[in-house]
Protein backbone atom coordinates (compact mmCIF):
# COMPACT_ATOMS: atom_id res chain seq x y z
CA UNK A 1 20.87 -3.81 19.06
CA UNK A 2 23.15 -1.16 17.55
CA UNK A 3 22.57 -3.27 13.88
CA UNK A 4 20.35 -1.07 11.62
CA UNK A 5 20.03 -3.36 8.24
CA UNK A 6 22.28 -5.12 6.08
CA UNK A 7 24.06 -3.54 3.14
CA UNK A 8 26.74 -5.75 0.91
CA UNK A 9 26.14 -8.34 2.99
CA UNK A 10 27.24 -6.54 6.38
CA UNK A 11 25.31 -5.30 8.91
CA UNK A 12 25.35 -1.26 8.96
CA UNK A 13 25.93 0.08 12.52
CA UNK A 14 23.58 3.08 13.46
CA UNK A 15 27.00 5.18 14.38
CA UNK A 16 28.21 4.45 10.97
CA UNK A 17 28.64 7.93 9.40
CA UNK A 18 28.09 7.04 5.99
CA UNK A 19 24.70 5.02 6.83
CA UNK A 20 22.37 7.48 5.11
CA UNK A 21 24.10 7.29 2.21
CA UNK A 22 24.48 3.27 2.59
CA UNK A 23 20.59 3.21 2.94
CA UNK A 24 20.20 5.42 -0.10
CA UNK A 25 22.19 3.10 -2.53
CA UNK A 26 20.33 -0.10 -0.37
CA UNK A 27 16.74 1.60 -1.92
CA UNK A 28 17.54 3.16 -5.05
CA UNK A 29 17.90 -0.32 -6.68
CA UNK A 30 15.05 -1.63 -5.20
CA UNK A 31 12.66 1.42 -5.80
CA UNK A 32 13.99 1.35 -9.83
CA UNK A 33 12.63 -1.97 -10.17
CA UNK A 34 9.69 -1.32 -7.62
CA UNK A 35 8.61 1.18 -10.25
CA UNK A 36 9.13 -1.22 -13.34
CA UNK A 37 6.71 -4.03 -11.68
CA UNK A 38 3.97 -1.53 -11.07
CA UNK A 39 1.04 -1.57 -13.31
CA UNK A 40 0.07 1.45 -15.25
CA UNK A 41 -2.25 2.29 -12.44
CA UNK A 42 -0.09 1.00 -9.51
CA UNK A 43 0.50 2.94 -6.64
CA UNK A 44 3.24 2.15 -3.70
CA UNK A 45 3.10 2.74 -0.15
CA UNK A 46 6.18 2.83 1.91
CA UNK A 47 6.50 3.06 5.44
CA UNK A 48 9.34 5.05 7.14
CA UNK A 49 9.97 6.08 10.54
CA UNK A 50 12.10 9.35 11.71
CA UNK A 51 15.41 7.89 10.68
CA UNK A 52 14.97 8.13 7.06
CA UNK A 53 11.71 9.63 6.16
CA UNK A 54 13.82 13.09 4.53
CA UNK A 55 16.01 10.78 2.97
CA UNK A 56 13.37 8.59 1.30
CA UNK A 57 11.09 11.72 0.26
CA UNK A 58 14.14 13.11 -1.88
CA UNK A 59 14.93 9.51 -3.14
CA UNK A 60 11.16 8.84 -4.36
CA UNK A 61 10.85 12.12 -6.08
CA UNK A 62 13.39 11.04 -7.79
CA UNK A 63 13.00 7.27 -8.96
CA UNK A 64 8.84 7.96 -9.23
CA UNK A 65 8.65 11.71 -9.97
CA UNK A 66 7.52 13.97 -7.72
CA UNK A 67 4.83 14.80 -9.87
CA UNK A 68 3.49 11.33 -9.09
CA UNK A 69 3.64 11.82 -5.13
CA UNK A 70 0.01 11.40 -4.24
CA UNK A 71 0.73 12.03 -0.33
CA UNK A 72 2.10 11.19 3.18
CA UNK A 73 0.00 9.75 5.76
CA UNK A 74 0.96 10.15 9.35
CA UNK A 75 0.39 6.53 11.15
CA UNK A 76 0.20 6.75 15.07
CA UNK A 77 1.85 3.23 15.41
CA UNK A 78 2.89 3.54 19.06
CA UNK A 79 0.00 3.31 21.50
CA UNK A 80 2.02 4.81 24.62
CA UNK A 81 4.42 7.44 24.76
CA UNK A 82 7.35 5.25 25.74
CA UNK A 83 11.06 4.90 24.09
CA UNK A 84 14.33 6.26 24.13
CA UNK A 85 13.76 9.78 23.67
CA UNK A 86 14.13 12.04 26.47
CA UNK A 87 13.10 15.34 24.61
CA UNK A 88 10.12 14.46 22.22
CA UNK A 89 8.25 11.00 22.24
CA UNK A 90 7.83 9.91 18.85
CA UNK A 91 4.52 8.00 18.45
CA UNK A 92 4.03 7.89 14.69
CA UNK A 93 5.50 6.81 11.56
CA UNK A 94 5.25 7.85 7.98
CA UNK A 95 3.54 6.05 5.27
CA UNK A 96 4.14 7.55 1.64
CA UNK A 97 2.06 7.01 -1.17
CA UNK A 98 3.56 7.02 -4.86
CA UNK A 99 1.86 6.04 -8.02
CA UNK A 100 3.44 4.66 -11.34
CA UNK A 101 1.31 7.44 -13.09
CA UNK A 102 -0.47 10.35 -11.29
CA UNK A 103 -3.30 10.40 -13.32
CA UNK A 104 -4.27 7.02 -14.06
CA UNK A 105 -4.12 5.84 -9.82
CA UNK A 106 -7.77 5.58 -8.51
CA UNK A 107 -7.40 6.28 -4.76
CA UNK A 108 -10.64 5.60 -2.59
CA UNK A 109 -12.62 8.75 -1.53
CA UNK A 110 -15.26 9.32 1.10
CA UNK A 111 -18.64 9.60 0.00
CA UNK A 112 -21.13 12.27 1.95
CA UNK A 113 -24.14 12.56 1.44
CA UNK A 114 -25.44 16.23 1.54
CA UNK A 115 -28.08 17.70 4.25
CA UNK A 116 -29.55 20.66 1.91
CA UNK A 117 -26.46 23.16 2.64
CA UNK A 118 -24.76 25.88 0.72
CA UNK A 119 -21.28 26.67 0.73
CA UNK A 120 -19.20 29.55 -0.68
CA UNK A 121 -17.82 28.96 -3.86
CA UNK A 122 -14.60 31.12 -3.25
CA UNK A 123 -12.26 28.97 -1.38
CA UNK A 124 -12.40 30.18 2.55
CA UNK A 125 -11.50 29.11 5.89
CA UNK A 126 -8.14 27.66 7.03
CA UNK A 127 -7.78 26.45 3.44
CA UNK A 128 -7.76 29.66 1.99
CA UNK A 129 -4.99 30.10 -0.77
CA UNK A 130 -3.95 32.89 -3.16
CA UNK A 131 -4.36 32.32 -6.64
CA UNK A 132 -0.79 31.70 -7.09
CA UNK A 133 -1.09 28.54 -4.77
CA UNK A 134 -3.32 27.18 -7.51
CA UNK A 135 -3.30 29.00 -10.66
CA UNK A 136 -5.60 26.92 -13.09
CA UNK A 137 -8.27 27.72 -10.02
CA UNK A 138 -8.59 31.30 -10.64
CA UNK A 139 -10.61 33.07 -13.51
CA UNK A 140 -13.88 35.25 -13.58
CA UNK A 141 -17.74 33.72 -13.29
CA UNK A 142 -20.12 36.00 -15.38
CA UNK A 143 -23.77 36.51 -14.22
CA UNK A 144 -27.18 38.36 -15.52
CA UNK A 145 -29.48 38.61 -12.76
CA UNK A 146 -32.41 39.47 -14.61
CA UNK A 147 -32.48 36.64 -17.04
CA UNK A 148 -30.27 34.57 -14.46
CA UNK A 149 -27.88 33.68 -17.21
CA UNK A 150 -24.30 31.99 -15.47
CA UNK A 151 -21.09 31.54 -17.63
CA UNK A 152 -17.65 32.16 -17.41
CA UNK A 153 -15.24 32.97 -20.24
CA UNK A 154 -14.35 31.15 -22.97
CA UNK A 155 -11.33 28.77 -23.17
CA UNK A 156 -8.89 31.07 -25.61
CA UNK A 157 -9.51 33.88 -22.79
CA UNK A 158 -8.92 31.80 -19.70
CA UNK A 159 -5.47 30.72 -20.98
CA UNK A 160 -4.30 33.84 -21.47
CA UNK A 161 -4.73 34.67 -17.93
CA UNK A 162 -2.03 32.68 -16.59
CA UNK A 163 1.11 32.21 -18.64
CA UNK A 164 2.50 28.78 -17.26
CA UNK A 165 5.97 29.50 -18.90
CA UNK A 166 6.64 32.49 -17.14
CA UNK A 167 4.75 31.77 -13.76
CA UNK A 168 3.03 35.03 -13.83
CA UNK A 169 -0.78 36.28 -14.39
CA UNK A 170 -1.38 38.78 -17.15
CA UNK A 171 -3.90 41.29 -14.89
CA UNK A 172 -3.78 44.06 -17.50
CA UNK A 173 -5.71 41.27 -19.67
CA UNK A 174 -7.92 40.80 -16.57
CA UNK A 175 -8.78 44.73 -16.62
CA UNK A 176 -9.58 44.48 -20.40
CA UNK A 177 -12.19 41.29 -19.86
CA UNK A 178 -13.59 43.23 -16.78
CA UNK A 179 -14.46 46.27 -19.02
CA UNK A 180 -15.54 44.23 -21.95
CA UNK A 181 -17.84 41.88 -20.31
CA UNK A 182 -19.38 44.49 -17.77
CA UNK A 183 -20.11 46.65 -21.01
CA UNK A 184 -22.19 43.69 -22.22
CA UNK A 185 -24.31 43.94 -19.03
CA UNK A 186 -22.32 41.28 -17.16
CA UNK A 187 -21.48 40.99 -13.58
CA UNK A 188 -17.80 40.11 -13.80
CA UNK A 189 -16.82 37.74 -10.52
CA UNK A 190 -13.76 37.34 -9.14
CA UNK A 191 -12.76 35.39 -5.84
CA UNK A 192 -10.98 37.78 -3.35
CA UNK A 193 -9.98 36.52 -0.10
CA UNK A 194 -11.05 38.64 3.21
CA UNK A 195 -7.79 40.53 3.18
CA UNK A 196 -8.42 41.71 -0.64
CA UNK A 197 -6.28 39.70 -2.61
CA UNK A 198 -7.16 37.13 -5.48
CA UNK A 199 -7.88 33.76 -4.03
CA UNK A 200 -9.12 30.95 -5.91
CA UNK A 201 -12.37 28.83 -6.30
CA UNK A 202 -12.66 25.72 -4.61
CA UNK A 203 -13.50 23.46 -7.66
CA UNK A 204 -11.93 23.37 -11.08
CA UNK A 205 -13.09 25.11 -14.33
CA UNK A 206 -14.64 22.03 -15.81
CA UNK A 207 -16.68 21.36 -12.81
CA UNK A 208 -17.93 24.61 -12.03
CA UNK A 209 -18.86 24.79 -16.31
CA UNK A 210 -20.97 21.64 -15.06
CA UNK A 211 -22.65 23.07 -12.27
CA UNK A 212 -23.57 26.45 -13.81
CA UNK A 213 -25.16 24.55 -16.71
CA UNK A 214 -27.16 22.95 -14.03
CA UNK A 215 -30.85 23.94 -13.41
CA UNK A 216 -32.60 21.09 -11.58
CA UNK A 217 -32.86 21.86 -8.08
CA UNK A 218 -32.74 18.64 -7.20
CA UNK A 219 -29.06 18.30 -8.48
CA UNK A 220 -25.79 19.73 -7.32
CA UNK A 221 -25.54 23.63 -8.70
CA UNK A 222 -24.16 27.25 -8.47
CA UNK A 223 -26.28 30.00 -7.47
CA UNK A 224 -25.40 33.93 -7.14
CA UNK A 225 -26.80 35.87 -4.23
CA UNK A 226 -26.82 39.98 -4.36
CA UNK A 227 -23.41 40.96 -2.22
CA UNK A 228 -23.66 44.78 -1.99
CA UNK A 229 -23.04 46.01 -5.51
CA UNK A 230 -21.87 42.82 -7.13
CA UNK A 231 -23.08 38.99 -6.23
CA UNK A 232 -21.33 36.00 -4.53
CA UNK A 233 -21.64 32.45 -5.86
CA UNK A 234 -22.87 29.64 -3.74
CA UNK A 235 -22.23 25.76 -4.55
CA UNK A 236 -25.67 24.27 -3.49
CA UNK A 237 -25.79 20.98 -1.97
CA UNK A 238 -29.24 19.31 -1.93
CA UNK A 239 -30.25 16.92 0.25
CA UNK A 240 -29.41 13.68 -0.27
CA UNK A 241 -27.11 14.49 -2.89
CA UNK A 242 -23.61 12.45 -2.71
CA UNK A 243 -20.28 14.36 -2.44
CA UNK A 244 -16.75 12.58 -2.64
CA UNK A 245 -13.98 14.13 -0.74
CA UNK A 246 -10.30 13.24 -0.35
CA UNK A 247 -9.64 10.91 2.29
CA UNK A 248 -7.53 12.19 5.00
CA UNK A 249 -3.75 12.14 5.87
CA UNK A 250 -3.95 11.03 9.71
CA UNK A 251 -4.39 7.58 10.74
CA UNK A 252 -4.96 7.13 14.09
CA UNK A 253 -7.23 4.68 14.35
CA UNK A 254 -5.60 2.07 12.50
CA UNK A 255 -3.75 -0.31 14.88
CA UNK A 256 -0.40 0.16 16.85
CA UNK A 257 2.57 -2.18 16.20
CA UNK A 258 1.26 -3.51 19.69
CA UNK A 259 -1.36 -4.91 18.35
CA UNK A 260 0.47 -5.99 15.20
CA UNK A 261 2.49 -8.11 17.91
CA UNK A 262 -0.68 -9.73 19.83
CA UNK A 263 -2.04 -10.27 16.53
CA UNK A 264 1.24 -12.63 15.88
CA UNK A 265 1.14 -14.24 19.25
CA UNK A 266 -2.52 -15.28 18.54
CA UNK A 267 -1.04 -17.83 16.17
CA UNK A 268 2.60 -18.44 17.21
CA UNK A 269 1.75 -18.39 21.28
CA UNK A 270 4.87 -15.83 22.00
CA UNK A 271 7.04 -12.87 20.58
CA UNK A 272 8.72 -14.12 17.38
CA UNK A 273 9.27 -10.56 15.64
CA UNK A 274 9.89 -7.32 16.62
CA UNK A 275 7.94 -5.28 14.25
CA UNK A 276 5.07 -6.27 13.19
CA UNK A 277 2.46 -4.07 11.13
CA UNK A 278 -1.40 -4.45 12.44
CA UNK A 279 -3.67 -5.70 10.07
CA UNK A 280 -5.74 -2.68 10.59
CA UNK A 281 -3.09 -0.71 8.63
CA UNK A 282 -2.37 -2.63 6.05
CA UNK A 283 -6.28 -3.51 5.20
CA UNK A 284 -6.48 0.19 5.24
CA UNK A 285 -3.95 1.27 2.80
CA UNK A 286 -4.92 -2.06 0.52
CA UNK A 287 -8.36 -1.18 0.49
CA UNK A 288 -7.45 2.56 -0.74
CA UNK A 289 -6.25 1.15 -4.08
CA UNK A 290 -8.07 -2.03 -4.66
CA UNK A 291 -11.72 -1.27 -3.56
CA UNK A 292 -12.71 -1.12 -7.25
CA UNK A 293 -10.75 -4.01 -8.48
CA UNK A 294 -12.28 -7.46 -8.13
CA UNK A 295 -8.63 -9.30 -8.73
CA UNK A 296 -5.09 -7.89 -9.13
CA UNK A 297 -1.67 -8.14 -7.51
CA UNK A 298 -0.19 -6.88 -4.20
CA UNK A 299 4.10 -7.14 -3.95
CA UNK A 300 5.50 -6.85 -0.69
CA UNK A 301 9.25 -7.00 -1.07
CA UNK A 302 10.15 -6.32 2.61
CA UNK A 303 7.28 -8.61 3.71
CA UNK A 304 8.56 -9.32 7.20
CA UNK A 305 6.26 -11.11 9.49
CA UNK A 306 3.65 -11.69 6.10
CA UNK A 307 1.25 -8.75 7.58
CA UNK A 308 0.49 -8.19 4.21
CA UNK A 309 -0.73 -11.66 2.72
CA UNK A 310 -2.96 -11.99 5.78
CA UNK A 311 -4.55 -8.71 5.26
CA UNK A 312 -5.15 -9.93 1.61
CA UNK A 313 -6.84 -13.06 2.43
CA UNK A 314 -9.13 -11.44 5.05
CA UNK A 315 -9.54 -8.68 2.67
CA UNK A 316 -10.68 -10.95 -0.29
CA UNK A 317 -12.71 -13.50 2.06
CA UNK A 318 -14.81 -10.00 3.33
CA UNK A 319 -15.12 -8.63 -0.13
CA UNK A 320 -15.23 -11.56 -2.31
CA UNK A 321 -12.05 -10.55 -4.46
CA UNK A 322 -9.54 -12.54 -5.62
CA UNK A 323 -6.69 -10.36 -5.25
CA UNK A 324 -3.38 -12.31 -5.14
CA UNK A 325 -0.27 -11.55 -3.06
CA UNK A 326 3.55 -11.89 -3.33
CA UNK A 327 5.79 -11.99 -0.40
CA UNK A 328 9.28 -11.15 -0.50
CA UNK A 329 12.18 -11.59 2.18
CA UNK A 330 15.31 -12.71 3.11
CA UNK A 331 15.87 -15.37 5.70
CA UNK A 332 17.11 -12.78 8.01
CA UNK A 333 17.81 -13.12 11.98
CA UNK A 334 18.58 -10.85 14.92
CA UNK A 335 22.67 -10.49 15.28
CA UNK A 336 22.12 -12.41 18.58
CA UNK A 337 20.42 -15.21 17.11
CA UNK A 338 23.37 -15.68 14.36
CA UNK A 339 26.00 -15.71 16.82
CA UNK A 340 24.44 -17.95 19.42
CA UNK A 341 23.81 -20.85 16.34
CA UNK A 342 27.34 -20.12 15.48
CA UNK A 343 28.78 -20.61 18.79
CA UNK A 344 26.65 -24.28 18.89
CA UNK A 345 28.68 -24.95 15.76
CA UNK A 346 25.95 -24.56 13.11
CA UNK A 347 26.89 -23.59 9.89
CA UNK A 348 24.68 -20.89 7.98
CA UNK A 349 24.50 -22.56 4.92
CA UNK A 350 22.78 -25.83 7.15
CA UNK A 351 19.10 -26.26 7.06
CA UNK A 352 19.16 -26.37 11.15
CA UNK A 353 20.97 -22.85 10.90
CA UNK A 354 18.38 -21.41 8.04
CA UNK A 355 15.05 -22.51 9.90
CA UNK A 356 15.91 -19.45 12.88
CA UNK A 357 15.53 -16.90 9.96
CA UNK A 358 12.73 -14.97 9.88
CA UNK A 359 11.28 -16.39 6.31
CA UNK A 360 11.48 -19.94 7.91
CA UNK A 361 10.49 -19.33 11.69
CA UNK A 362 7.91 -16.50 11.15
CA UNK A 363 6.77 -15.69 7.31
CA UNK A 364 5.93 -19.09 5.97
CA UNK A 365 4.74 -20.73 9.05
CA UNK A 366 2.12 -17.52 9.60
CA UNK A 367 0.50 -17.70 5.84
CA UNK A 368 0.01 -21.68 6.53
CA UNK A 369 -1.77 -21.27 9.82
CA UNK A 370 -3.78 -18.69 8.37
CA UNK A 371 -4.95 -20.36 5.41
CA UNK A 372 -5.38 -23.78 6.90
CA UNK A 373 -6.72 -22.15 10.51
CA UNK A 374 -5.50 -22.55 14.00
CA UNK A 375 -5.77 -22.69 18.13
CA UNK A 376 -5.39 -19.44 19.67
CA UNK A 377 -4.83 -18.22 23.51
CA UNK A 378 -5.78 -14.97 24.28
CA UNK A 379 -7.44 -12.88 27.07
CA UNK A 380 -10.26 -10.90 28.00
CA UNK A 381 -10.17 -7.60 30.34
CA UNK A 382 -13.07 -5.99 32.31
CA UNK A 383 -12.39 -2.76 34.07
CA UNK A 384 -13.78 -3.32 37.88
CA UNK A 385 -13.05 -0.02 39.12
CA UNK A 386 -10.96 3.47 38.31
CA UNK A 387 -10.33 6.32 39.95
CA UNK A 388 -8.41 9.91 38.68
CA UNK A 389 -5.18 10.15 40.04
CA UNK A 390 -5.89 13.75 41.17
CA UNK A 391 -4.62 15.43 44.36
CA UNK A 392 -7.88 14.48 46.35
CA UNK A 393 -7.88 10.94 45.41
CA UNK A 394 -4.20 10.61 46.32
CA UNK A 395 -4.93 11.56 49.42
CA UNK A 396 -7.79 9.28 50.41
CA UNK A 397 -5.35 6.38 48.20
CA UNK A 398 -5.53 4.22 51.14
CA UNK A 399 -9.43 4.02 51.26
CA UNK A 400 -9.26 3.44 47.58
CA UNK A 401 -7.03 0.44 47.59
CA UNK A 402 -9.19 -0.92 50.42
CA UNK A 403 -12.02 -0.68 47.82
CA UNK A 404 -9.95 -2.32 45.43
CA UNK A 405 -8.87 -4.86 47.50
CA UNK A 406 -12.61 -5.77 48.69
CA UNK A 407 -14.06 -5.91 44.73
CA UNK A 408 -10.88 -8.27 44.03
CA UNK A 409 -11.92 -10.67 46.81
CA UNK A 410 -15.34 -10.35 45.78
CA UNK A 411 -15.00 -11.08 42.14
CA UNK A 412 -11.75 -13.32 42.32
CA UNK A 413 -14.07 -16.26 41.21
CA UNK A 414 -14.83 -14.66 37.89
CA UNK A 415 -11.37 -13.74 36.28
CA UNK A 416 -8.19 -15.40 36.04
CA UNK A 417 -6.10 -12.53 37.64
CA UNK A 418 -7.03 -9.43 38.88
CA UNK A 419 -4.43 -6.39 38.98
CA UNK A 420 -4.51 -2.77 39.60
CA UNK A 421 -2.92 -0.82 36.49
CA UNK A 422 -2.03 3.03 36.33
CA UNK A 423 -3.12 4.31 32.45
CA UNK A 424 -2.81 7.85 32.29
CA UNK A 425 -4.14 9.80 34.68
CA UNK A 426 -6.18 6.91 35.94
CA UNK A 427 -5.78 3.83 38.31
CA UNK A 428 -7.45 1.07 37.21
CA UNK A 429 -8.57 -2.22 38.49
CA UNK A 430 -8.45 -4.67 35.87
CA UNK A 431 -9.84 -8.43 35.50
CA UNK A 432 -8.48 -10.80 33.12
CA UNK A 433 -9.67 -14.21 31.71
CA UNK A 434 -7.60 -16.33 29.18
CA UNK A 435 -9.75 -17.17 26.53
CA UNK A 436 -9.08 -20.15 23.98
CA UNK A 437 -10.84 -20.88 20.36
CA UNK A 438 -10.19 -22.00 17.24
CA UNK A 439 -9.50 -19.67 14.23
CA UNK A 440 -11.04 -20.75 10.78
CA UNK A 441 -8.75 -21.09 7.70
CA UNK A 442 -9.04 -18.97 4.36
CA UNK A 443 -8.47 -22.24 2.18
CA UNK A 444 -5.72 -20.33 -0.55
CA UNK A 445 -2.75 -21.38 -2.30
CA UNK A 446 0.35 -20.97 -0.98
CA UNK A 447 3.57 -21.73 -2.70
CA UNK A 448 7.01 -21.08 -1.08
CA UNK A 449 10.27 -20.18 -3.32
CA UNK A 450 13.57 -20.15 -2.33
CA UNK A 451 16.15 -18.44 -4.66
CA UNK A 452 19.30 -20.05 -6.17
CA UNK A 453 22.33 -18.66 -7.94
CA UNK A 454 23.30 -20.42 -10.59
CA UNK A 455 26.85 -20.06 -11.14
CA UNK A 456 27.88 -18.10 -14.29
CA UNK A 457 29.38 -19.56 -17.35
CA UNK A 458 32.04 -18.81 -20.53
CA UNK A 459 29.68 -20.69 -22.73
CA UNK A 460 26.37 -18.55 -22.91
CA UNK A 461 25.15 -22.10 -24.67
CA UNK A 462 26.12 -24.18 -21.48
CA UNK A 463 24.41 -21.33 -19.46
CA UNK A 464 20.92 -22.04 -21.54
CA UNK A 465 20.69 -25.14 -20.71
CA UNK A 466 21.78 -24.69 -16.85
CA UNK A 467 18.90 -22.12 -16.70
CA UNK A 468 16.34 -24.15 -18.57
CA UNK A 469 16.82 -26.90 -15.77
CA UNK A 470 15.86 -24.64 -13.20
CA UNK A 471 13.67 -22.04 -14.87
CA UNK A 472 10.43 -24.10 -13.87
CA UNK A 473 9.14 -22.20 -10.66
CA UNK A 474 9.35 -18.78 -12.62
CA UNK A 475 6.99 -19.91 -15.60
CA UNK A 476 4.52 -21.11 -13.05
CA UNK A 477 4.81 -17.35 -11.31
CA UNK A 478 4.52 -16.07 -14.39
CA UNK A 479 1.80 -18.14 -15.89
CA UNK A 480 0.11 -18.46 -12.72
CA UNK A 481 -0.15 -22.15 -12.80
CA UNK A 482 1.35 -24.09 -10.18
CA UNK A 483 -0.54 -27.77 -9.50
CA UNK A 484 2.25 -30.59 -10.72
CA UNK A 485 0.28 -33.49 -12.78
CA UNK A 486 3.42 -34.83 -14.43
CA UNK A 487 6.99 -34.73 -13.43
CA UNK A 488 9.71 -36.37 -15.65
CA UNK A 489 13.04 -35.59 -15.80
CA UNK A 490 13.24 -33.50 -19.00
CA UNK A 491 9.54 -32.07 -19.02
CA UNK A 492 7.00 -30.98 -16.64
CA UNK A 493 3.11 -30.28 -16.90
CA UNK A 494 0.83 -28.27 -14.63
CA UNK A 495 -2.66 -27.65 -14.57
CA UNK A 496 -4.79 -24.77 -13.01
CA UNK A 497 -8.52 -24.43 -13.30
CA UNK A 498 -8.66 -24.49 -17.23
CA UNK A 499 -5.24 -23.94 -17.99
CA UNK A 500 -2.18 -26.19 -18.90
CA UNK A 501 1.07 -24.97 -18.52
CA UNK A 502 3.62 -27.74 -19.98
CA UNK A 503 7.85 -27.11 -19.95
CA UNK A 504 9.94 -28.81 -21.94
CA UNK A 505 13.74 -28.33 -21.04
CA UNK A 506 15.76 -30.77 -22.86
CA UNK A 507 18.34 -29.44 -25.13
CA UNK A 508 17.56 -32.10 -28.01
CA UNK A 509 14.03 -33.02 -29.29
CA UNK A 510 14.09 -36.37 -28.15
CA UNK A 511 11.42 -36.83 -25.76
CA UNK A 512 9.47 -34.27 -27.61
CA UNK A 513 6.92 -36.63 -28.73
CA UNK A 514 6.50 -38.26 -25.09
CA UNK A 515 5.76 -34.60 -24.29
CA UNK A 516 2.93 -34.16 -26.59
CA UNK A 517 1.57 -37.32 -25.96
CA UNK A 518 1.10 -36.54 -22.42
CA UNK A 519 -0.13 -32.86 -22.79
CA UNK A 520 -3.21 -34.86 -25.15
CA UNK A 521 -3.78 -36.49 -21.98
CA UNK A 522 -5.24 -33.40 -20.62
CA UNK A 523 -8.38 -31.47 -21.10
CA UNK A 524 -7.82 -27.42 -21.11
CA UNK A 525 -9.30 -24.56 -22.76
CA UNK A 526 -5.55 -22.88 -22.34
CA UNK A 527 -2.36 -24.61 -23.49
CA UNK A 528 1.07 -22.97 -22.77
CA UNK A 529 3.59 -24.89 -23.78
CA UNK A 530 7.30 -23.54 -23.09
CA UNK A 531 10.35 -25.56 -24.83
CA UNK A 532 14.12 -25.35 -25.19
CA UNK A 533 15.76 -23.03 -27.66
CA UNK A 534 19.29 -22.14 -28.13
CA UNK A 535 17.72 -18.99 -29.99
CA UNK A 536 14.71 -17.68 -29.67
CA UNK A 537 12.49 -19.13 -31.69
CA UNK A 538 10.56 -22.69 -31.60
CA UNK A 539 10.24 -25.37 -34.84
CA UNK A 540 6.81 -24.40 -35.55
CA UNK A 541 6.20 -27.78 -36.67
CA UNK A 542 6.92 -29.56 -33.60
CA UNK A 543 3.43 -28.40 -31.67
CA UNK A 544 1.57 -27.94 -34.62
CA UNK A 545 -0.53 -30.75 -33.99
CA UNK A 546 -1.49 -29.74 -30.47
CA UNK A 547 -4.70 -26.84 -31.44
CA UNK A 548 -4.96 -23.91 -29.47
CA UNK A 549 -1.60 -24.33 -27.96
CA UNK A 550 0.75 -21.08 -27.55
CA UNK A 551 4.58 -21.85 -27.92
CA UNK A 552 7.24 -19.81 -26.18
CA UNK A 553 10.98 -20.46 -26.06
CA UNK A 554 12.96 -20.82 -23.25
CA UNK A 555 15.31 -19.90 -21.66
CA UNK A 556 16.33 -16.65 -23.86
CA UNK A 557 13.71 -14.37 -22.43
CA UNK A 558 14.38 -15.01 -19.33
CA UNK A 559 18.07 -14.26 -19.82
CA UNK A 560 17.22 -11.03 -21.38
CA UNK A 561 15.17 -9.89 -18.42
CA UNK A 562 18.30 -10.69 -16.19
CA UNK A 563 20.65 -8.97 -18.40
CA UNK A 564 18.54 -6.00 -18.58
CA UNK A 565 18.02 -6.04 -14.72
CA UNK A 566 21.81 -6.49 -14.38
CA UNK A 567 22.16 -3.22 -17.04
CA UNK A 568 20.27 -1.45 -14.61
CA UNK A 569 22.36 -2.19 -11.48
CA UNK A 570 25.36 -0.90 -13.34
């Protein structure tokens, strides 16, 4: 309806004059935490529509630093030109991409195999730029044709051409260099645009130096060809040579929201979510940053229907990878659904009420279905006849419709239904069949955690006792160890592959020996023990007879993290 998003436990109306400000506040804390969670080579993708894309760009420039902006994709997320805008039909969304540290992020490139061609080394065509736009890619090349010697000026001279502090070029010094090198027999070659202004080269200085030194004709290199009273440099791409180019920013064929809805309906047999991202665009983004990694972690903290989780599972299966995912979502529901449940007398804290929220109704059941497999009902379509809707055919429409009816009668046994449909500038006769099948599951671990609130206690020691009793799930996530093999009131033991995780939560040492005896029953290469302590230290003698065990204190380090988060919020 008119409700846009929830802020401070209230839905914000789209007509709220403070909506943009509230949205920025809503996102600011989340993006700050996201930045802290990113690995050093980590990347974040953020889908955004036309309502807040300008605000988001400014916000991300502040949080992540504009120098870490990788780019923005334009995703064609709507298959038609529908919608309520009567001026311009919006068919796209934006996807911003920022790195934790730009220089460490790796984005997949497009490999091109050369067909033995040459290109001007100077930037040309629509991408031609003046030197002021790419200051470091402006410098002279040096050439002696008699000896076929190719070079450029040394580093110290290159540094003097452009001053980044004053953002100016020293053209007087450039003239001095030209005279110096021409007196020594060199051709002094600079990149000029077609209108005579200084331009830039198509590669950076380090790459050009590498190409200038290459003499093997089977490899990429630079050659000079006579051009009037000077020489023009060309970059040679020998046949079979592989070059890497950056990916494009237009995502026109990566699936639409309607396709995402169809993918979800295959699992649930009905529409259960309004705005579902398709697997195509999500898998594409994942591959851009995970293509060269065998494992890693992908976090989606606005998980919605869980498309990211499904995309990761299918990507792992197709590429033999071991990428983990964490999906976070609240359990919100449509306002109309919430009001209907309240009218039925259901309380928001009841299980019957909660099961209608997005996490209980969609996200978790979807992931469970993808992992275990599911039956599906879908449809196939075949175009039986089509005509263009031009003036000639419109005049003969009665005859065309008779033809459509004849084909429909002839083919009715082949299809569940046959219908006419206008698509673009064509009238189509479409035969549709319902199909059923079984989608094979993708065996994986799936854990579903619900956050809980721990009331604040004035006694810090009492808070530690309460926290220790609630901490197990967090430690399982932290240590990636989930299979519960020993479940006692005061301690628990988990096992995963060759790892054992033991958690002792009682504030006295009464049950320590029982805990140790239980740990000894399990063989594992790695043993991690968390033991309760009012301080940040565990008595080293308690677990001294457990060889190779790593012992850590709880819950102080978790409380320290929470304190740090609270400091950031304030």
